[in-house]
Amino acid sequence: MKYKILIIEDNEDINDILVKTLFNAGYDVESAYTGYEGLEKIKNNSYDLLLLDIMLPYKSGDEVLRELRTFSNCPVIVISAKNLVSVKIELLKLGADDYVTKPFDLDEVLARVE
């Protein structure tokens, strides 16, 4: 069985490199580029994991996470340029399962996904 991952990241280059890395590791990967698009995909599909950026257009990642937790327990790894400990703690308390800061190492992200 292939695990299904949704990447919600507005930066096309970062989204593409994550898709390629995870696809090559054997995962079924989909992308969303806005918080709104990501939530729509989550509501209409089933995922085993979400990789979620925080600074997203239309609906921020923390809003996506807050809304997601009202109807899903899907694991979430936040990937964000925000590296303040207080922000990490806030997002973990909101329901994130892990937090990776940008710039990130692809092997580290892959290890956290696995």
Protein backbone atom coordinates (compact mmCIF):
# COMPACT_ATOMS: atom_id res chain seq x y z
CA MET A 1 0.00 0.00 0.00
CA LYS A 2 1.30 3.44 -0.95
CA TYR A 3 0.92 6.15 1.65
CA LYS A 4 -0.79 9.29 0.38
CA ILE A 5 0.74 12.67 1.28
CA LEU A 6 -0.60 16.17 0.65
CA ILE A 7 1.90 19.03 0.43
CA ILE A 8 0.39 22.46 1.09
CA GLU A 9 3.16 24.89 0.10
CA ASP A 10 2.79 28.04 -2.02
CA ASN A 11 6.42 28.20 -3.16
CA GLU A 12 6.41 26.19 -6.41
CA ASP A 13 10.12 25.30 -6.23
CA ILE A 14 9.85 23.96 -2.67
CA ASN A 15 6.59 22.15 -3.49
CA ASP A 16 8.16 20.54 -6.58
CA ILE A 17 11.30 19.34 -4.78
CA LEU A 18 9.21 17.84 -1.96
CA VAL A 19 6.92 16.11 -4.47
CA LYS A 20 9.88 14.64 -6.38
CA THR A 21 11.67 13.51 -3.22
CA LEU A 22 8.61 11.84 -1.71
CA PHE A 23 7.46 10.33 -5.02
CA ASN A 24 10.95 8.82 -5.56
CA ALA A 25 10.73 7.38 -2.03
CA GLY A 26 7.55 5.53 -3.03
CA TYR A 27 4.81 7.83 -1.76
CA ASP A 28 1.66 8.93 -3.58
CA VAL A 29 1.92 12.74 -3.47
CA GLU A 30 -0.47 15.58 -4.22
CA SER A 31 0.04 19.34 -4.02
CA ALA A 32 -1.95 22.38 -3.00
CA TYR A 33 -0.63 25.94 -3.28
CA THR A 34 -3.04 27.85 -1.01
CA GLY A 35 -4.57 27.16 2.38
CA TYR A 36 -8.04 27.20 0.88
CA GLU A 37 -7.10 24.69 -1.86
CA GLY A 38 -5.42 22.47 0.73
CA LEU A 39 -8.49 22.38 2.97
CA GLU A 40 -10.74 21.55 0.03
CA LYS A 41 -8.49 18.62 -0.90
CA ILE A 42 -8.42 17.40 2.71
CA LYS A 43 -12.22 17.53 2.94
CA ASN A 44 -12.67 15.58 -0.31
CA ASN A 45 -9.82 13.03 -0.07
CA SER A 46 -8.07 10.82 2.44
CA TYR A 47 -4.40 11.42 3.26
CA ASP A 48 -1.95 9.62 5.52
CA LEU A 49 0.15 12.76 6.14
CA LEU A 50 0.14 16.50 5.46
CA LEU A 51 3.20 18.70 4.97
CA LEU A 52 1.97 22.19 5.77
CA ASP A 53 3.57 25.59 5.24
CA ILE A 54 2.40 28.38 7.57
CA MET A 55 2.67 31.46 5.36
CA LEU A 56 0.07 30.60 2.72
CA PRO A 57 -2.17 32.82 0.59
CA TYR A 58 -5.94 33.08 1.28
CA LYS A 59 -5.84 30.98 4.45
CA SER A 60 -2.74 30.70 6.63
CA GLY A 61 -1.30 27.36 7.67
CA ASP A 62 -2.26 27.87 11.30
CA GLU A 63 -5.88 28.51 10.20
CA VAL A 64 -5.75 25.36 8.06
CA LEU A 65 -4.41 23.36 11.02
CA ARG A 66 -7.02 24.79 13.40
CA GLU A 67 -9.87 23.93 11.01
CA LEU A 68 -8.39 20.53 10.09
CA ARG A 69 -8.32 19.47 13.74
CA THR A 70 -12.10 19.95 13.98
CA PHE A 71 -12.66 16.98 11.65
CA SER A 72 -9.40 15.04 11.17
CA ASN A 73 -6.54 13.48 13.14
CA CYS A 74 -4.32 13.18 10.05
CA PRO A 75 -0.66 13.65 11.04
CA VAL A 76 0.76 17.08 10.13
CA ILE A 77 4.38 18.13 9.73
CA VAL A 78 4.71 21.91 9.59
CA ILE A 79 7.46 23.19 7.31
CA SER A 80 8.04 26.89 7.87
CA ALA A 81 10.60 29.68 7.77
CA LYS A 82 9.32 30.80 11.17
CA ASN A 83 11.93 29.52 13.60
CA LEU A 84 10.89 31.15 16.88
CA VAL A 85 10.40 28.58 19.62
CA SER A 86 7.14 30.30 20.65
CA VAL A 87 5.71 29.80 17.14
CA LYS A 88 6.75 26.13 17.14
CA ILE A 89 5.12 25.60 20.55
CA GLU A 90 1.92 27.36 19.43
CA LEU A 91 1.60 25.17 16.34
CA LEU A 92 2.38 21.97 18.23
CA LYS A 93 -0.33 22.91 20.74
CA LEU A 94 -2.73 23.57 17.82
CA GLY A 95 -2.21 19.97 16.73
CA ALA A 96 0.91 19.77 14.57
CA ASP A 97 2.80 16.51 15.05
CA ASP A 98 6.22 17.83 14.04
CA TYR A 99 7.89 21.07 12.91
CA VAL A 100 10.74 21.55 10.41
CA THR A 101 12.29 24.94 9.76
CA LYS A 102 13.33 26.26 6.34
CA PRO A 103 15.82 25.96 4.86
CA PHE A 104 15.58 22.23 5.46
CA ASP A 105 17.55 19.15 4.50
CA LEU A 106 15.54 16.84 2.23
CA ASP A 107 16.92 13.73 3.94
CA GLU A 108 15.74 15.06 7.31
CA VAL A 109 12.23 15.74 5.95
CA LEU A 110 12.14 12.26 4.43
CA ALA A 111 13.26 10.70 7.73
CA ARG A 112 10.53 12.58 9.62
CA VAL A 113 7.92 11.47 7.05
CA GLU A 114 9.02 7.85 7.38
